[in-house]
Amino acid sequence: MPETANRPLVKKDPEDVVRSVTKVASLPTIFTKLDEAINDPRKTNKDFAKIINEDTAMAARLLRIANSALYNFPSKIETVTHAVTIIGTNQLRDLVLASSVIKLFANVPEDLVSMESFWRHSIACGLTARTIATVRRETNVERFFVAGLLHDIGRLIMYMEFADAMGQVVKHCAAQSKLMFKAEKELLGFDHAKLGALLINAWKLPARLEEAVGFHHAPMSAKRFPAEAAVIHAADVIANAMQLGSSGEKRVPPLNEQSWQHVDLPPGAIGSIVDQLEVQYADAVNFITSD
């Protein structure tokens, strides 16, 4: 083994790593403007649509998703204003956040991971989490989609900031048949879930999202929002098992039985969740990754 947990390959604290990243990776203006507008009680759906229409690519993506199998509306939605009305403001904000973050990390080197494969896995996790949340009758299921989409965002930081060390992590996983997040802790001193939660916090995004990302490999450790963490944990396992893309992990992480009991799905729900994922997956990939 190249190093031990007492002598990590990375000498920086995770907090320092995230501080350096956020200096160059702030959330896009369109999300910031939309977030501020949604929090202003004087603003209307027309104001939200005006902000979206400032970014023609974002407007086109929003209309694609509104007319996709993800929502399955009976008639075609032709304007952003109509899309905002149908989808809802909080859901709109989450979808814009999802698309914005992907564009923010568009230039990550692909030496260690295919970015197409990374986002395909993330989208599969997000869709699975959204469907589980729907079965559980959660409010604003889009927040689960975003949490699933961003659950491995810390690994992108790792690939960007210390590629050589991550190369050793990948080799160590292959040699020792070890799960990647465990090898990260062993060789780097922290894992991608920790980095992802710190980034969510630095961006001042909701605490629910921070905990879901930070504890998706240890859902029963979540103190404030264990349901979110449990749903993302289960969705990640399902997405890995279905082999819909990969963030670098070559093995299926084990499902935490206590966490699965906390998710508390009815009998036979997994089959319908998988069926729903297969219906929605191609549309979601197109929405998220297309210009």
C-alpha atoms as a PDB file:
ATOM      1  CA  MET A   1       0.000   0.000   0.000  1.00  0.00           C
ATOM      2  CA  PRO A   2       1.526   3.364  -1.011  1.00  0.00           C
ATOM      3  CA  GLU A   3       0.564   5.249   2.151  1.00  0.00           C
ATOM      4  CA  THR A   4      -1.430   4.823   5.334  1.00  0.00           C
ATOM      5  CA  ALA A   5      -4.188   6.908   6.813  1.00  0.00           C
ATOM      6  CA  ASN A   6      -1.519   8.414   9.113  1.00  0.00           C
ATOM      7  CA  ARG A   7       0.482   9.607   6.123  1.00  0.00           C
ATOM      8  CA  PRO A   8      -2.105  10.594   3.514  1.00  0.00           C
ATOM      9  CA  LEU A   9      -1.160  11.232  -0.107  1.00  0.00           C
ATOM     10  CA  VAL A  10      -2.900  14.612   0.036  1.00  0.00           C
ATOM     11  CA  LYS A  11      -1.388  17.103   2.456  1.00  0.00           C
ATOM     12  CA  LYS A  12      -4.253  19.618   2.344  1.00  0.00           C
ATOM     13  CA  ASP A  13      -7.234  19.617   4.668  1.00  0.00           C
ATOM     14  CA  PRO A  14     -10.526  19.110   2.790  1.00  0.00           C
ATOM     15  CA  GLU A  15     -11.670  22.575   3.918  1.00  0.00           C
ATOM     16  CA  ASP A  16      -8.617  24.137   2.236  1.00  0.00           C
ATOM     17  CA  VAL A  17      -9.269  22.155  -0.933  1.00  0.00           C
ATOM     18  CA  VAL A  18     -12.858  23.409  -1.173  1.00  0.00           C
ATOM     19  CA  ARG A  19     -11.819  27.007  -0.444  1.00  0.00           C
ATOM     20  CA  SER A  20      -9.411  26.928  -3.376  1.00  0.00           C
ATOM     21  CA  VAL A  21     -12.036  25.375  -5.649  1.00  0.00           C
ATOM     22  CA  THR A  22     -14.786  27.861  -4.825  1.00  0.00           C
ATOM     23  CA  LYS A  23     -12.508  30.754  -5.782  1.00  0.00           C
ATOM     24  CA  VAL A  24     -12.797  29.647  -9.404  1.00  0.00           C
ATOM     25  CA  ALA A  25     -16.024  27.590  -9.282  1.00  0.00           C
ATOM     26  CA  SER A  26     -18.769  29.859  -8.014  1.00  0.00           C
ATOM     27  CA  LEU A  27     -22.351  29.068  -8.919  1.00  0.00           C
ATOM     28  CA  PRO A  28     -23.399  30.557 -12.283  1.00  0.00           C
ATOM     29  CA  THR A  29     -25.119  33.948 -12.359  1.00  0.00           C
ATOM     30  CA  ILE A  30     -28.358  32.550 -13.775  1.00  0.00           C
ATOM     31  CA  PHE A  31     -28.864  30.317 -10.727  1.00  0.00           C
ATOM     32  CA  THR A  32     -27.991  33.123  -8.304  1.00  0.00           C
ATOM     33  CA  LYS A  33     -30.408  35.530  -9.996  1.00  0.00           C
ATOM     34  CA  LEU A  34     -33.180  32.948 -10.113  1.00  0.00           C
ATOM     35  CA  ASP A  35     -32.665  31.997  -6.466  1.00  0.00           C
ATOM     36  CA  GLU A  36     -32.847  35.640  -5.391  1.00  0.00           C
ATOM     37  CA  ALA A  37     -35.991  36.215  -7.479  1.00  0.00           C
ATOM     38  CA  ILE A  38     -37.760  33.142  -6.074  1.00  0.00           C
ATOM     39  CA  ASN A  39     -37.017  34.387  -2.562  1.00  0.00           C
ATOM     40  CA  ASP A  40     -38.542  37.790  -3.407  1.00  0.00           C
ATOM     41  CA  PRO A  41     -42.313  37.705  -2.747  1.00  0.00           C
ATOM     42  CA  ARG A  42     -42.824  40.543  -5.238  1.00  0.00           C
ATOM     43  CA  LYS A  43     -41.575  38.461  -8.172  1.00  0.00           C
ATOM     44  CA  THR A  44     -43.857  36.382 -10.398  1.00  0.00           C
ATOM     45  CA  ASN A  45     -43.535  33.477 -12.812  1.00  0.00           C
ATOM     46  CA  LYS A  46     -43.009  35.984 -15.630  1.00  0.00           C
ATOM     47  CA  ASP A  47     -39.957  37.346 -13.787  1.00  0.00           C
ATOM     48  CA  PHE A  48     -38.569  33.836 -13.350  1.00  0.00           C
ATOM     49  CA  ALA A  49     -39.129  33.060 -17.022  1.00  0.00           C
ATOM     50  CA  LYS A  50     -37.393  36.304 -18.030  1.00  0.00           C
ATOM     51  CA  ILE A  51     -34.279  35.237 -16.101  1.00  0.00           C
ATOM     52  CA  ILE A  52     -34.315  31.788 -17.717  1.00  0.00           C
ATOM     53  CA  ASN A  53     -34.743  33.283 -21.186  1.00  0.00           C
ATOM     54  CA  GLU A  54     -31.526  35.283 -20.729  1.00  0.00           C
ATOM     55  CA  ASP A  55     -29.743  31.955 -21.245  1.00  0.00           C
ATOM     56  CA  THR A  56     -31.090  30.504 -24.498  1.00  0.00           C
ATOM     57  CA  ALA A  57     -29.434  27.113 -23.931  1.00  0.00           C
ATOM     58  CA  MET A  58     -30.958  26.860 -20.456  1.00  0.00           C
ATOM     59  CA  ALA A  59     -34.383  27.875 -21.781  1.00  0.00           C
ATOM     60  CA  ALA A  60     -34.199  25.192 -24.470  1.00  0.00           C
ATOM     61  CA  ARG A  61     -33.158  22.555 -21.910  1.00  0.00           C
ATOM     62  CA  LEU A  62     -36.020  23.538 -19.613  1.00  0.00           C
ATOM     63  CA  LEU A  63     -38.571  23.175 -22.411  1.00  0.00           C
ATOM     64  CA  ARG A  64     -37.101  19.786 -23.334  1.00  0.00           C
ATOM     65  CA  ILE A  65     -37.449  18.505 -19.800  1.00  0.00           C
ATOM     66  CA  ALA A  66     -40.956  19.941 -19.403  1.00  0.00           C
ATOM     67  CA  ASN A  67     -42.017  18.016 -22.515  1.00  0.00           C
ATOM     68  CA  SER A  68     -40.200  14.818 -21.543  1.00  0.00           C
ATOM     69  CA  ALA A  69     -41.217  11.559 -19.905  1.00  0.00           C
ATOM     70  CA  LEU A  70     -39.992  12.985 -16.619  1.00  0.00           C
ATOM     71  CA  TYR A  71     -43.233  14.987 -16.323  1.00  0.00           C
ATOM     72  CA  ASN A  72     -45.414  13.341 -18.983  1.00  0.00           C
ATOM     73  CA  PHE A  73     -47.775  16.299 -19.401  1.00  0.00           C
ATOM     74  CA  PRO A  74     -50.730  15.628 -21.753  1.00  0.00           C
ATOM     75  CA  SER A  75     -50.169  18.692 -23.984  1.00  0.00           C
ATOM     76  CA  LYS A  76     -47.042  20.321 -25.349  1.00  0.00           C
ATOM     77  CA  ILE A  77     -45.472  23.129 -23.312  1.00  0.00           C
ATOM     78  CA  GLU A  78     -44.185  25.811 -25.688  1.00  0.00           C
ATOM     79  CA  THR A  79     -43.053  28.718 -23.475  1.00  0.00           C
ATOM     80  CA  VAL A  80     -40.770  29.018 -20.477  1.00  0.00           C
ATOM     81  CA  THR A  81     -43.505  30.879 -18.583  1.00  0.00           C
ATOM     82  CA  HIS A  82     -45.845  27.920 -19.056  1.00  0.00           C
ATOM     83  CA  ALA A  83     -43.065  25.538 -18.012  1.00  0.00           C
ATOM     84  CA  VAL A  84     -42.470  27.517 -14.824  1.00  0.00           C
ATOM     85  CA  THR A  85     -46.195  27.451 -14.036  1.00  0.00           C
ATOM     86  CA  ILE A  86     -46.462  23.701 -14.596  1.00  0.00           C
ATOM     87  CA  ILE A  87     -43.206  22.600 -12.966  1.00  0.00           C
ATOM     88  CA  GLY A  88     -43.255  24.970  -9.990  1.00  0.00           C
ATOM     89  CA  THR A  89     -40.717  27.502  -8.762  1.00  0.00           C
ATOM     90  CA  ASN A  90     -38.816  25.344  -6.276  1.00  0.00           C
ATOM     91  CA  GLN A  91     -38.566  22.510  -8.786  1.00  0.00           C
ATOM     92  CA  LEU A  92     -37.434  24.984 -11.426  1.00  0.00           C
ATOM     93  CA  ARG A  93     -34.668  26.272  -9.183  1.00  0.00           C
ATOM     94  CA  ASP A  94     -33.456  22.726  -8.531  1.00  0.00           C
ATOM     95  CA  LEU A  95     -33.416  21.841 -12.225  1.00  0.00           C
ATOM     96  CA  VAL A  96     -31.469  25.008 -13.086  1.00  0.00           C
ATOM     97  CA  LEU A  97     -29.023  24.204 -10.281  1.00  0.00           C
ATOM     98  CA  ALA A  98     -28.539  20.695 -11.651  1.00  0.00           C
ATOM     99  CA  SER A  99     -27.798  21.902 -15.164  1.00  0.00           C
ATOM    100  CA  SER A 100     -25.604  24.779 -13.954  1.00  0.00           C
ATOM    101  CA  VAL A 101     -23.339  22.580 -11.843  1.00  0.00           C
ATOM    102  CA  ILE A 102     -22.749  20.161 -14.702  1.00  0.00           C
ATOM    103  CA  LYS A 103     -21.657  23.015 -16.954  1.00  0.00           C
ATOM    104  CA  LEU A 104     -19.421  24.307 -14.160  1.00  0.00           C
ATOM    105  CA  PHE A 105     -17.415  21.066 -14.182  1.00  0.00           C
ATOM    106  CA  ALA A 106     -17.405  20.614 -17.950  1.00  0.00           C
ATOM    107  CA  ASN A 107     -13.606  20.781 -18.270  1.00  0.00           C
ATOM    108  CA  VAL A 108     -12.532  18.121 -15.759  1.00  0.00           C
ATOM    109  CA  PRO A 109      -9.656  16.065 -17.259  1.00  0.00           C
ATOM    110  CA  GLU A 110     -10.806  12.639 -18.434  1.00  0.00           C
ATOM    111  CA  ASP A 111      -7.587  10.758 -17.666  1.00  0.00           C
ATOM    112  CA  LEU A 112      -9.187   8.907 -14.752  1.00  0.00           C
ATOM    113  CA  VAL A 113     -12.898   8.989 -15.567  1.00  0.00           C
ATOM    114  CA  SER A 114     -15.134   9.543 -18.569  1.00  0.00           C
ATOM    115  CA  MET A 115     -17.218  12.629 -17.837  1.00  0.00           C
ATOM    116  CA  GLU A 116     -20.067  11.257 -19.931  1.00  0.00           C
ATOM    117  CA  SER A 117     -20.034   8.104 -17.807  1.00  0.00           C
ATOM    118  CA  PHE A 118     -19.755  10.147 -14.600  1.00  0.00           C
ATOM    119  CA  TRP A 119     -22.841  12.226 -15.379  1.00  0.00           C
ATOM    120  CA  ARG A 120     -24.788   9.230 -16.643  1.00  0.00           C
ATOM    121  CA  HIS A 121     -24.272   7.566 -13.269  1.00  0.00           C
ATOM    122  CA  SER A 122     -25.177  10.771 -11.459  1.00  0.00           C
ATOM    123  CA  ILE A 123     -28.343  11.220 -13.531  1.00  0.00           C
ATOM    124  CA  ALA A 124     -29.344   7.600 -12.897  1.00  0.00           C
ATOM    125  CA  CYS A 125     -28.880   8.138  -9.166  1.00  0.00           C
ATOM    126  CA  GLY A 126     -30.871  11.376  -9.282  1.00  0.00           C
ATOM    127  CA  LEU A 127     -33.766   9.837 -11.194  1.00  0.00           C
ATOM    128  CA  THR A 128     -33.854   6.821  -8.892  1.00  0.00           C
ATOM    129  CA  ALA A 129     -33.855   9.087  -5.837  1.00  0.00           C
ATOM    130  CA  ARG A 130     -36.656  11.177  -7.363  1.00  0.00           C
ATOM    131  CA  THR A 131     -38.761   8.080  -8.023  1.00  0.00           C
ATOM    132  CA  ILE A 132     -38.176   6.706  -4.520  1.00  0.00           C
ATOM    133  CA  ALA A 133     -39.189  10.091  -3.104  1.00  0.00           C
ATOM    134  CA  THR A 134     -42.349  10.026  -5.240  1.00  0.00           C
ATOM    135  CA  VAL A 135     -43.272   6.577  -3.920  1.00  0.00           C
ATOM    136  CA  ARG A 136     -42.669   7.889  -0.388  1.00  0.00           C
ATOM    137  CA  ARG A 137     -44.944  10.878  -1.174  1.00  0.00           C
ATOM    138  CA  GLU A 138     -42.231  13.407  -0.344  1.00  0.00           C
ATOM    139  CA  THR A 139     -42.792  17.080  -1.174  1.00  0.00           C
ATOM    140  CA  ASN A 140     -40.688  18.703  -3.939  1.00  0.00           C
ATOM    141  CA  VAL A 141     -39.177  15.508  -5.280  1.00  0.00           C
ATOM    142  CA  GLU A 142     -36.797  17.550  -7.462  1.00  0.00           C
ATOM    143  CA  ARG A 143     -34.616  18.166  -4.413  1.00  0.00           C
ATOM    144  CA  PHE A 144     -33.959  14.416  -4.324  1.00  0.00           C
ATOM    145  CA  PHE A 145     -33.090  14.484  -8.018  1.00  0.00           C
ATOM    146  CA  VAL A 146     -30.541  17.236  -7.398  1.00  0.00           C
ATOM    147  CA  ALA A 147     -29.085  15.471  -4.361  1.00  0.00           C
ATOM    148  CA  GLY A 148     -28.652  12.287  -6.387  1.00  0.00           C
ATOM    149  CA  LEU A 149     -27.181  14.209  -9.287  1.00  0.00           C
ATOM    150  CA  LEU A 150     -24.607  15.907  -7.031  1.00  0.00           C
ATOM    151  CA  HIS A 151     -23.854  13.028  -4.661  1.00  0.00           C
ATOM    152  CA  ASP A 152     -20.418  12.353  -6.202  1.00  0.00           C
ATOM    153  CA  ILE A 153     -19.487  15.979  -6.930  1.00  0.00           C
ATOM    154  CA  GLY A 154     -16.645  15.738  -4.418  1.00  0.00           C
ATOM    155  CA  ARG A 155     -14.979  13.113  -6.583  1.00  0.00           C
ATOM    156  CA  LEU A 156     -14.774  15.616  -9.436  1.00  0.00           C
ATOM    157  CA  ILE A 157     -12.880  17.935  -7.101  1.00  0.00           C
ATOM    158  CA  MET A 158     -10.519  15.072  -6.324  1.00  0.00           C
ATOM    159  CA  TYR A 159      -9.934  14.370 -10.018  1.00  0.00           C
ATOM    160  CA  MET A 160      -9.294  18.077 -10.629  1.00  0.00           C
ATOM    161  CA  GLU A 161      -7.121  18.897  -7.624  1.00  0.00           C
ATOM    162  CA  PHE A 162      -5.005  15.774  -7.104  1.00  0.00           C
ATOM    163  CA  ALA A 163      -5.117  13.554 -10.166  1.00  0.00           C
ATOM    164  CA  ASP A 164      -1.893  11.667  -9.317  1.00  0.00           C
ATOM    165  CA  ALA A 165      -3.178  10.677  -5.888  1.00  0.00           C
ATOM    166  CA  MET A 166      -6.501   9.579  -7.370  1.00  0.00           C
ATOM    167  CA  GLY A 167      -4.577   7.477  -9.868  1.00  0.00           C
ATOM    168  CA  GLN A 168      -3.059   5.646  -6.920  1.00  0.00           C
ATOM    169  CA  VAL A 169      -6.512   5.266  -5.359  1.00  0.00           C
ATOM    170  CA  VAL A 170      -7.796   3.632  -8.553  1.00  0.00           C
ATOM    171  CA  LYS A 171      -4.815   1.248  -8.661  1.00  0.00           C
ATOM    172  CA  HIS A 172      -5.216   0.408  -4.976  1.00  0.00           C
ATOM    173  CA  CYS A 173      -8.913  -0.401  -5.495  1.00  0.00           C
ATOM    174  CA  ALA A 174      -8.068  -2.736  -8.369  1.00  0.00           C
ATOM    175  CA  ALA A 175      -5.268  -4.488  -6.469  1.00  0.00           C
ATOM    176  CA  GLN A 176      -7.171  -4.847  -3.177  1.00  0.00           C
ATOM    177  CA  SER A 177     -10.743  -5.304  -4.554  1.00  0.00           C
ATOM    178  CA  LYS A 178     -11.760  -2.360  -2.413  1.00  0.00           C
ATOM    179  CA  LEU A 179     -14.609   0.097  -2.676  1.00  0.00           C
ATOM    180  CA  MET A 180     -13.382   3.452  -3.932  1.00  0.00           C
ATOM    181  CA  PHE A 181     -14.728   5.652  -1.138  1.00  0.00           C
ATOM    182  CA  LYS A 182     -13.006   3.434   1.427  1.00  0.00           C
ATOM    183  CA  ALA A 183      -9.721   3.665  -0.479  1.00  0.00           C
ATOM    184  CA  GLU A 184     -10.092   7.456  -0.597  1.00  0.00           C
ATOM    185  CA  LYS A 185     -10.305   7.607   3.190  1.00  0.00           C
ATOM    186  CA  GLU A 186      -7.430   5.204   3.581  1.00  0.00           C
ATOM    187  CA  LEU A 187      -5.028   6.898   1.184  1.00  0.00           C
ATOM    188  CA  LEU A 188      -6.159  10.537   1.199  1.00  0.00           C
ATOM    189  CA  GLY A 189      -7.509  10.944   4.714  1.00  0.00           C
ATOM    190  CA  PHE A 190     -11.050  11.874   3.579  1.00  0.00           C
ATOM    191  CA  ASP A 191     -13.527  10.791   0.930  1.00  0.00           C
ATOM    192  CA  HIS A 192     -15.483  12.452  -1.857  1.00  0.00           C
ATOM    193  CA  ALA A 193     -18.662  12.615   0.238  1.00  0.00           C
ATOM    194  CA  LYS A 194     -16.891  14.873   2.747  1.00  0.00           C
ATOM    195  CA  LEU A 195     -15.605  17.157  -0.011  1.00  0.00           C
ATOM    196  CA  GLY A 196     -19.004  17.286  -1.679  1.00  0.00           C
ATOM    197  CA  ALA A 197     -20.757  18.311   1.535  1.00  0.00           C
ATOM    198  CA  LEU A 198     -18.185  21.045   2.139  1.00  0.00           C
ATOM    199  CA  LEU A 199     -18.735  22.377  -1.389  1.00  0.00           C
ATOM    200  CA  ILE A 200     -22.524  22.421  -0.925  1.00  0.00           C
ATOM    201  CA  ASN A 201     -21.998  24.328   2.328  1.00  0.00           C
ATOM    202  CA  ALA A 202     -19.600  26.796   0.702  1.00  0.00           C
ATOM    203  CA  TRP A 203     -22.177  27.478  -2.005  1.00  0.00           C
ATOM    204  CA  LYS A 204     -24.740  28.164   0.760  1.00  0.00           C
ATOM    205  CA  LEU A 205     -27.136  25.556  -0.594  1.00  0.00           C
ATOM    206  CA  PRO A 206     -29.745  23.892   1.672  1.00  0.00           C
ATOM    207  CA  ALA A 207     -28.632  21.784   4.643  1.00  0.00           C
ATOM    208  CA  ARG A 208     -30.821  18.926   3.375  1.00  0.00           C
ATOM    209  CA  LEU A 209     -28.665  18.752   0.250  1.00  0.00           C
ATOM    210  CA  GLU A 210     -25.452  18.994   2.265  1.00  0.00           C
ATOM    211  CA  GLU A 211     -26.390  16.022   4.471  1.00  0.00           C
ATOM    212  CA  ALA A 212     -27.681  13.904   1.585  1.00  0.00           C
ATOM    213  CA  VAL A 213     -24.383  14.350  -0.261  1.00  0.00           C
ATOM    214  CA  GLY A 214     -22.174  14.092   2.817  1.00  0.00           C
ATOM    215  CA  PHE A 215     -23.696  10.902   4.201  1.00  0.00           C
ATOM    216  CA  HIS A 216     -24.702   8.924   1.119  1.00  0.00           C
ATOM    217  CA  HIS A 217     -22.193   6.207   2.074  1.00  0.00           C
ATOM    218  CA  ALA A 218     -23.055   6.383   5.792  1.00  0.00           C
ATOM    219  CA  PRO A 219     -26.757   7.320   5.839  1.00  0.00           C
ATOM    220  CA  MET A 220     -27.398   6.348   9.449  1.00  0.00           C
ATOM    221  CA  SER A 221     -24.818   8.945  10.554  1.00  0.00           C
ATOM    222  CA  ALA A 222     -26.990  11.794   9.230  1.00  0.00           C
ATOM    223  CA  LYS A 223     -28.380  13.698  12.204  1.00  0.00           C
ATOM    224  CA  ARG A 224     -30.791  16.246  10.734  1.00  0.00           C
ATOM    225  CA  PHE A 225     -32.036  14.720   7.486  1.00  0.00           C
ATOM    226  CA  PRO A 226     -31.605  10.936   7.648  1.00  0.00           C
ATOM    227  CA  ALA A 227     -34.432  10.339   5.150  1.00  0.00           C
ATOM    228  CA  GLU A 228     -32.605  12.300   2.429  1.00  0.00           C
ATOM    229  CA  ALA A 229     -29.342  10.479   3.114  1.00  0.00           C
ATOM    230  CA  ALA A 230     -31.080   7.088   3.145  1.00  0.00           C
ATOM    231  CA  VAL A 231     -32.833   7.740  -0.182  1.00  0.00           C
ATOM    232  CA  ILE A 232     -29.626   8.875  -1.912  1.00  0.00           C
ATOM    233  CA  HIS A 233     -27.738   5.891  -0.464  1.00  0.00           C
ATOM    234  CA  ALA A 234     -30.333   3.468  -1.849  1.00  0.00           C
ATOM    235  CA  ALA A 235     -30.470   5.269  -5.210  1.00  0.00           C
ATOM    236  CA  ASP A 236     -26.672   5.135  -5.535  1.00  0.00           C
ATOM    237  CA  VAL A 237     -26.642   1.376  -4.901  1.00  0.00           C
ATOM    238  CA  ILE A 238     -29.404   0.804  -7.470  1.00  0.00           C
ATOM    239  CA  ALA A 239     -27.707   3.010 -10.097  1.00  0.00           C
ATOM    240  CA  ASN A 240     -24.397   1.190  -9.582  1.00  0.00           C
ATOM    241  CA  ALA A 241     -26.106  -2.204  -9.775  1.00  0.00           C
ATOM    242  CA  MET A 242     -27.755  -1.236 -13.082  1.00  0.00           C
ATOM    243  CA  GLN A 243     -24.353  -0.077 -14.431  1.00  0.00           C
ATOM    244  CA  LEU A 244     -25.741   3.163 -15.830  1.00  0.00           C
ATOM    245  CA  GLY A 245     -22.451   5.029 -16.045  1.00  0.00           C
ATOM    246  CA  SER A 246     -19.815   5.252 -13.328  1.00  0.00           C
ATOM    247  CA  SER A 247     -18.080   7.929 -11.264  1.00  0.00           C
ATOM    248  CA  GLY A 248     -15.038   5.653 -11.053  1.00  0.00           C
ATOM    249  CA  GLU A 249     -16.407   2.966  -8.749  1.00  0.00           C
ATOM    250  CA  LYS A 250     -16.023  -0.535 -10.178  1.00  0.00           C
ATOM    251  CA  ARG A 251     -18.039  -2.352  -7.506  1.00  0.00           C
ATOM    252  CA  VAL A 252     -21.573  -2.097  -6.205  1.00  0.00           C
ATOM    253  CA  PRO A 253     -21.530  -0.613  -2.688  1.00  0.00           C
ATOM    254  CA  PRO A 254     -23.421  -2.715  -0.134  1.00  0.00           C
ATOM    255  CA  LEU A 255     -26.893  -1.592   0.842  1.00  0.00           C
ATOM    256  CA  ASN A 256     -27.148  -0.531   4.479  1.00  0.00           C
ATOM    257  CA  GLU A 257     -30.004  -2.673   5.810  1.00  0.00           C
ATOM    258  CA  GLN A 258     -30.961  -0.257   8.594  1.00  0.00           C
ATOM    259  CA  SER A 259     -31.032   2.600   6.101  1.00  0.00           C
ATOM    260  CA  TRP A 260     -33.145   0.544   3.691  1.00  0.00           C
ATOM    261  CA  GLN A 261     -35.656  -0.071   6.451  1.00  0.00           C
ATOM    262  CA  HIS A 262     -35.732   3.687   7.008  1.00  0.00           C
ATOM    263  CA  VAL A 263     -36.601   4.240   3.329  1.00  0.00           C
ATOM    264  CA  ASP A 264     -39.566   1.911   3.956  1.00  0.00           C
ATOM    265  CA  LEU A 265     -40.787   1.196   0.421  1.00  0.00           C
ATOM    266  CA  PRO A 266     -43.832  -1.014  -0.140  1.00  0.00           C
ATOM    267  CA  PRO A 267     -43.326  -4.583  -1.445  1.00  0.00           C
ATOM    268  CA  GLY A 268     -42.623  -4.702  -5.163  1.00  0.00           C
ATOM    269  CA  ALA A 269     -41.620  -1.040  -5.355  1.00  0.00           C
ATOM    270  CA  ILE A 270     -38.125  -1.746  -6.695  1.00  0.00           C
ATOM    271  CA  GLY A 271     -39.504  -3.224  -9.904  1.00  0.00           C
ATOM    272  CA  SER A 272     -41.624  -0.148 -10.634  1.00  0.00           C
ATOM    273  CA  ILE A 273     -38.726   2.165  -9.714  1.00  0.00           C
ATOM    274  CA  VAL A 274     -36.442   0.399 -12.198  1.00  0.00           C
ATOM    275  CA  ASP A 275     -39.158   0.521 -14.873  1.00  0.00           C
ATOM    276  CA  GLN A 276     -39.615   4.255 -14.299  1.00  0.00           C
ATOM    277  CA  LEU A 277     -35.860   4.831 -14.507  1.00  0.00           C
ATOM    278  CA  GLU A 278     -35.690   3.078 -17.869  1.00  0.00           C
ATOM    279  CA  VAL A 279     -38.496   5.287 -19.215  1.00  0.00           C
ATOM    280  CA  GLN A 280     -37.033   8.589 -17.997  1.00  0.00           C
ATOM    281  CA  TYR A 281     -33.284   8.014 -18.316  1.00  0.00           C
ATOM    282  CA  ALA A 282     -32.658   8.994 -21.954  1.00  0.00           C
ATOM    283  CA  ASP A 283     -34.738  12.193 -21.657  1.00  0.00           C
ATOM    284  CA  ALA A 284     -32.937  13.242 -18.490  1.00  0.00           C
ATOM    285  CA  VAL A 285     -29.511  12.636 -20.011  1.00  0.00           C
ATOM    286  CA  ASN A 286     -30.533  14.775 -22.978  1.00  0.00           C
ATOM    287  CA  PHE A 287     -31.781  17.590 -20.736  1.00  0.00           C
ATOM    288  CA  ILE A 288     -28.793  17.683 -18.468  1.00  0.00           C
ATOM    289  CA  THR A 289     -25.918  17.174 -20.901  1.00  0.00           C
ATOM    290  CA  SER A 290     -27.085  18.902 -24.105  1.00  0.00           C
ATOM    291  CA  ASP A 291     -26.198  22.493 -25.011  1.00  0.00           C
END
